[in-house]
Amino acid sequence: MIKRTIDIVVSAPGLVLLAPLLALIAAAVKATSPGPALFRQERLGWQGRRFRIYKFRSMVRDADRLGGTLTVGGDVRITPFGRFLRRYKLDELPQLLNVLRGEMSLVGPRPEVPEYADMFPRSYERILQVKPGITHSATLFFRNEERLLSRAVDPRALYVERVMPYKMMLYVEEMRRQSMLRDVLTIIDTILRITRTVTMAELDSFADRLPRVVGPARVVANLGPSGVEREYVRERQVDAVVSLAMRRMETVA
């Protein structure tokens, strides 16, 4: 209840105070590329409820149809102005409306598209016990995710095998440690890190240290919209890691 109250107290005045900036960005999006100012996409929310997330459109119209839901750094679908918006996370500002509507919180696991969440149903069932958020410690850990994926030979395999499982582990580890102080510190940390530039050498080092939680590619190569991912062996290793994280939290609690 306290968390929801703070979400309302921050998001409602925030939308009012930021209205001139939001209007300016919306006008710039429409002026620099054909299409709507807002991008809407179906995501999974609390208890698996689906909702439409709002962002300023940073890519060409119908980008999902042109190249799927995964975005990498240097993606040709990203518009020049959209690249600026994504660099400073300004495209995320409309999600204050999702927060006000009760679909999201200021701090929480980032809402995933069903396509990827369906690969790990048992693990994601736990994560969906809390509302998704605009930012999270896992978001900060992978704040350069798009650039990281752009360095991979197979960005989708890297996301499924390493990035997404590690994110889920971080989400679960944070769930029972959640407090208003941690939320405030996460928001402050988010603002501070937006302006920091990471070198390519740092990205390569980060990728090398990132463990492969899911075993490779014999199945990952078959992933696609056909639904083959539901047959993926994915859950055994990932669920074991997430369960271990939960047991550690229970021990601490």
Protein backbone atom coordinates (compact mmCIF):
# COMPACT_ATOMS: atom_id res chain seq x y z
CA MET A 1 0.00 0.00 0.00
CA ILE A 2 2.83 2.43 0.88
CA LYS A 3 4.63 1.59 -2.35
CA ARG A 4 1.47 2.21 -4.38
CA THR A 5 0.88 5.52 -2.59
CA ILE A 6 4.40 6.67 -3.43
CA ASP A 7 3.94 5.57 -7.04
CA ILE A 8 0.85 7.80 -7.30
CA VAL A 9 2.41 10.72 -5.41
CA VAL A 10 5.42 10.68 -7.76
CA SER A 11 3.82 9.77 -11.11
CA ALA A 12 0.82 12.13 -11.03
CA PRO A 13 2.75 15.35 -10.28
CA GLY A 14 5.57 14.06 -12.47
CA LEU A 15 3.30 13.84 -15.49
CA VAL A 16 2.02 17.37 -14.81
CA LEU A 17 5.47 18.89 -14.27
CA LEU A 18 6.96 17.09 -17.25
CA ALA A 19 4.02 17.86 -19.55
CA PRO A 20 5.88 20.57 -21.53
CA LEU A 21 8.88 18.27 -22.03
CA LEU A 22 6.64 15.34 -22.97
CA ALA A 23 4.79 17.49 -25.51
CA LEU A 24 8.08 18.72 -26.97
CA ILE A 25 9.45 15.18 -27.32
CA ALA A 26 6.20 13.95 -28.86
CA ALA A 27 6.28 16.75 -31.43
CA ALA A 28 9.93 16.04 -32.22
CA VAL A 29 9.25 12.32 -32.70
CA LYS A 30 6.48 13.04 -35.20
CA ALA A 31 8.53 15.72 -36.95
CA THR A 32 11.60 13.53 -37.45
CA SER A 33 9.95 10.31 -38.66
CA PRO A 34 6.53 9.25 -39.94
CA GLY A 35 4.30 7.48 -37.46
CA PRO A 36 2.77 8.01 -34.00
CA ALA A 37 4.61 9.68 -31.15
CA LEU A 38 3.97 6.79 -28.77
CA PHE A 39 5.01 3.18 -29.08
CA ARG A 40 2.76 0.60 -27.43
CA GLN A 41 3.73 -3.00 -26.84
CA GLU A 42 2.17 -5.90 -24.94
CA ARG A 43 4.11 -6.88 -21.81
CA LEU A 44 3.52 -9.18 -18.86
CA GLY A 45 2.58 -7.52 -15.58
CA TRP A 46 1.60 -8.48 -12.06
CA GLN A 47 0.34 -12.07 -11.83
CA GLY A 48 0.77 -12.51 -15.57
CA ARG A 49 -1.75 -9.86 -16.54
CA ARG A 50 -0.99 -8.40 -19.94
CA PHE A 51 -0.90 -4.67 -20.49
CA ARG A 52 0.30 -2.12 -23.01
CA ILE A 53 3.53 -0.41 -22.09
CA TYR A 54 4.02 3.16 -23.31
CA LYS A 55 7.23 4.60 -24.72
CA PHE A 56 8.12 7.42 -27.03
CA ARG A 57 8.64 5.83 -30.41
CA SER A 58 12.37 5.63 -31.06
CA MET A 59 12.24 3.34 -34.09
CA VAL A 60 10.66 3.40 -37.51
CA ARG A 61 6.99 2.59 -37.84
CA ASP A 62 6.14 -1.15 -37.52
CA ALA A 63 9.67 -1.93 -36.32
CA ASP A 64 8.56 -5.16 -34.63
CA ARG A 65 7.41 -6.55 -37.96
CA LEU A 66 10.67 -5.60 -39.62
CA GLY A 67 13.08 -7.14 -37.15
CA GLY A 68 11.46 -8.73 -34.11
CA THR A 69 11.25 -7.54 -30.52
CA LEU A 70 14.96 -7.69 -29.64
CA THR A 71 16.87 -4.44 -30.14
CA VAL A 72 20.64 -4.16 -30.37
CA GLY A 73 22.94 -1.16 -30.47
CA GLY A 74 23.24 0.32 -33.94
CA ASP A 75 19.92 -1.23 -34.98
CA VAL A 76 19.01 0.31 -38.34
CA ARG A 77 15.38 0.58 -37.21
CA ILE A 78 16.29 3.22 -34.61
CA THR A 79 15.76 6.77 -35.85
CA PRO A 80 18.42 9.45 -35.29
CA PHE A 81 16.23 11.25 -32.75
CA GLY A 82 15.27 7.90 -31.26
CA ARG A 83 18.94 7.17 -30.64
CA PHE A 84 19.15 10.34 -28.56
CA LEU A 85 16.02 9.40 -26.62
CA ARG A 86 17.33 5.93 -25.86
CA ARG A 87 20.76 7.23 -24.87
CA TYR A 88 19.25 9.27 -22.03
CA LYS A 89 16.26 6.95 -21.39
CA LEU A 90 13.83 9.73 -22.31
CA ASP A 91 11.79 7.24 -24.31
CA GLU A 92 10.77 5.62 -20.99
CA LEU A 93 9.07 8.74 -19.56
CA PRO A 94 5.54 7.84 -20.78
CA GLN A 95 5.68 4.83 -18.47
CA LEU A 96 4.77 7.23 -15.67
CA LEU A 97 1.28 6.80 -17.12
CA ASN A 98 1.57 3.02 -16.67
CA VAL A 99 2.60 3.68 -13.07
CA LEU A 100 -0.35 5.99 -12.46
CA ARG A 101 -2.72 3.38 -13.94
CA GLY A 102 -1.37 0.78 -11.53
CA GLU A 103 0.14 -1.44 -14.24
CA MET A 104 3.71 -0.68 -13.20
CA SER A 105 5.67 0.67 -10.27
CA LEU A 106 8.57 3.11 -10.23
CA VAL A 107 10.95 0.33 -9.15
CA GLY A 108 10.50 -3.32 -10.07
CA PRO A 109 11.54 -5.98 -12.59
CA ARG A 110 11.34 -4.72 -16.13
CA PRO A 111 8.20 -6.08 -17.86
CA GLU A 112 9.14 -8.72 -20.41
CA VAL A 113 7.46 -9.45 -23.71
CA PRO A 114 5.47 -12.73 -23.58
CA GLU A 115 7.68 -14.24 -26.29
CA TYR A 116 10.65 -14.42 -23.92
CA ALA A 117 8.87 -14.86 -20.60
CA ASP A 118 7.14 -17.95 -22.01
CA MET A 119 10.55 -19.62 -22.34
CA PHE A 120 10.87 -19.75 -18.55
CA PRO A 121 7.30 -20.08 -17.22
CA ARG A 122 8.12 -21.54 -13.79
CA SER A 123 10.82 -19.00 -13.05
CA TYR A 124 8.79 -16.09 -14.38
CA GLU A 125 5.78 -17.12 -12.33
CA ARG A 126 7.77 -16.05 -9.26
CA ILE A 127 8.90 -12.77 -10.77
CA LEU A 128 5.34 -11.87 -11.73
CA GLN A 129 4.34 -11.85 -8.06
CA VAL A 130 5.50 -8.22 -7.96
CA LYS A 131 4.61 -5.32 -10.24
CA PRO A 132 7.05 -4.54 -13.01
CA GLY A 133 8.89 -1.25 -12.80
CA ILE A 134 10.51 1.51 -14.80
CA THR A 135 13.90 0.77 -13.25
CA HIS A 136 15.54 -1.96 -11.18
CA SER A 137 19.00 -2.98 -10.01
CA ALA A 138 19.06 -5.52 -12.86
CA THR A 139 18.26 -2.70 -15.28
CA LEU A 140 21.29 -0.82 -14.02
CA PHE A 141 23.47 -3.93 -14.20
CA PHE A 142 22.49 -4.36 -17.86
CA ARG A 143 22.14 -0.67 -18.65
CA ASN A 144 24.28 -1.17 -21.78
CA GLU A 145 22.40 -4.26 -22.89
CA GLU A 146 21.75 -3.10 -26.44
CA ARG A 147 25.42 -2.31 -27.06
CA LEU A 148 26.39 -5.60 -25.44
CA LEU A 149 24.07 -7.55 -27.74
CA SER A 150 25.40 -5.71 -30.78
CA ARG A 151 28.84 -7.21 -30.08
CA ALA A 152 27.51 -10.77 -30.23
CA VAL A 153 27.54 -13.02 -33.28
CA ASP A 154 24.06 -14.21 -32.28
CA PRO A 155 22.38 -11.51 -30.16
CA ARG A 156 19.26 -13.60 -29.55
CA ALA A 157 21.27 -16.55 -28.23
CA LEU A 158 23.28 -14.25 -25.95
CA TYR A 159 20.08 -12.74 -24.59
CA VAL A 160 18.40 -16.11 -23.98
CA GLU A 161 21.46 -17.99 -22.69
CA ARG A 162 23.08 -15.34 -20.53
CA VAL A 163 21.36 -11.99 -20.18
CA MET A 164 17.79 -13.02 -19.45
CA PRO A 165 18.60 -15.80 -16.94
CA TYR A 166 20.98 -13.51 -15.07
CA LYS A 167 18.33 -10.79 -14.99
CA MET A 168 15.82 -13.22 -13.54
CA MET A 169 18.25 -14.22 -10.82
CA LEU A 170 18.76 -10.56 -9.90
CA TYR A 171 15.01 -9.96 -9.91
CA VAL A 172 14.39 -12.81 -7.49
CA GLU A 173 17.27 -11.84 -5.21
CA GLU A 174 15.78 -8.37 -4.83
CA MET A 175 12.20 -9.42 -4.19
CA ARG A 176 12.39 -10.07 -0.46
CA ARG A 177 14.98 -7.40 0.19
CA GLN A 178 12.67 -4.77 -1.18
CA SER A 179 12.24 -1.63 0.91
CA MET A 180 11.41 2.00 0.27
CA LEU A 181 15.01 2.98 1.01
CA ARG A 182 16.30 0.53 -1.60
CA ASP A 183 13.76 1.90 -4.09
CA VAL A 184 14.91 5.47 -3.47
CA LEU A 185 18.56 4.48 -3.83
CA THR A 186 17.77 2.63 -7.06
CA ILE A 187 16.05 5.70 -8.52
CA ILE A 188 18.99 7.92 -7.55
CA ASP A 189 21.46 5.40 -8.98
CA THR A 190 19.45 5.27 -12.21
CA ILE A 191 19.66 9.04 -12.65
CA LEU A 192 23.40 9.08 -11.95
CA ARG A 193 24.22 6.24 -14.35
CA ILE A 194 22.25 7.56 -17.33
CA THR A 195 25.02 9.98 -18.24
CA ARG A 196 27.93 7.54 -17.87
CA THR A 197 29.55 6.30 -21.08
CA VAL A 198 30.93 2.77 -21.24
CA THR A 199 33.82 1.88 -23.57
CA MET A 200 33.79 -1.08 -25.94
CA ALA A 201 36.63 -2.67 -23.97
CA GLU A 202 34.48 -2.53 -20.83
CA LEU A 203 31.59 -4.14 -22.72
CA ASP A 204 33.79 -6.99 -23.96
CA SER A 205 35.13 -7.57 -20.46
CA PHE A 206 31.59 -7.58 -19.07
CA ALA A 207 30.44 -10.12 -21.68
CA ASP A 208 33.37 -12.42 -20.93
CA ARG A 209 32.54 -12.44 -17.20
CA LEU A 210 28.84 -13.07 -17.71
CA PRO A 211 28.11 -16.76 -16.98
CA ARG A 212 26.21 -18.93 -19.40
CA VAL A 213 23.29 -20.04 -17.26
CA VAL A 214 21.46 -21.88 -20.01
CA GLY A 215 23.12 -24.49 -22.08
CA PRO A 216 23.63 -23.70 -25.64
CA ALA A 217 22.64 -23.57 -28.83
CA ARG A 218 21.32 -26.78 -30.05
CA VAL A 219 17.89 -25.50 -29.05
CA VAL A 220 18.54 -21.76 -29.11
CA ALA A 221 19.18 -22.03 -32.83
CA ASN A 222 15.60 -23.20 -33.27
CA LEU A 223 14.00 -20.35 -31.38
CA GLY A 224 11.44 -18.38 -33.30
CA PRO A 225 7.83 -17.27 -33.50
CA SER A 226 6.71 -20.81 -34.32
CA GLY A 227 6.48 -21.72 -30.65
CA VAL A 228 9.44 -24.11 -30.61
CA GLU A 229 10.70 -22.19 -27.58
CA ARG A 230 8.05 -23.86 -25.43
CA GLU A 231 9.91 -27.14 -25.95
CA TYR A 232 13.18 -25.59 -24.87
CA VAL A 233 15.10 -27.35 -22.10
CA ARG A 234 15.62 -23.88 -20.70
CA GLU A 235 13.93 -24.28 -17.37
CA ARG A 236 15.99 -26.88 -15.64
CA GLN A 237 19.15 -24.85 -15.27
CA VAL A 238 17.50 -21.46 -14.95
CA ASP A 239 14.93 -22.63 -12.45
CA ALA A 240 17.69 -24.20 -10.37
CA VAL A 241 19.57 -20.90 -10.27
CA VAL A 242 16.44 -18.91 -9.40
CA SER A 243 15.48 -21.44 -6.73
CA LEU A 244 18.95 -21.18 -5.22
CA ALA A 245 18.59 -17.40 -5.07
CA MET A 246 15.24 -17.76 -3.32
CA ARG A 247 16.66 -20.23 -0.78
CA ARG A 248 19.47 -17.81 0.00
CA MET A 249 16.93 -15.05 0.60
CA GLU A 250 14.89 -17.30 2.87
CA THR A 251 18.02 -18.08 4.87
CA VAL A 252 18.82 -14.38 5.25
CA ALA A 253 15.20 -13.59 6.17
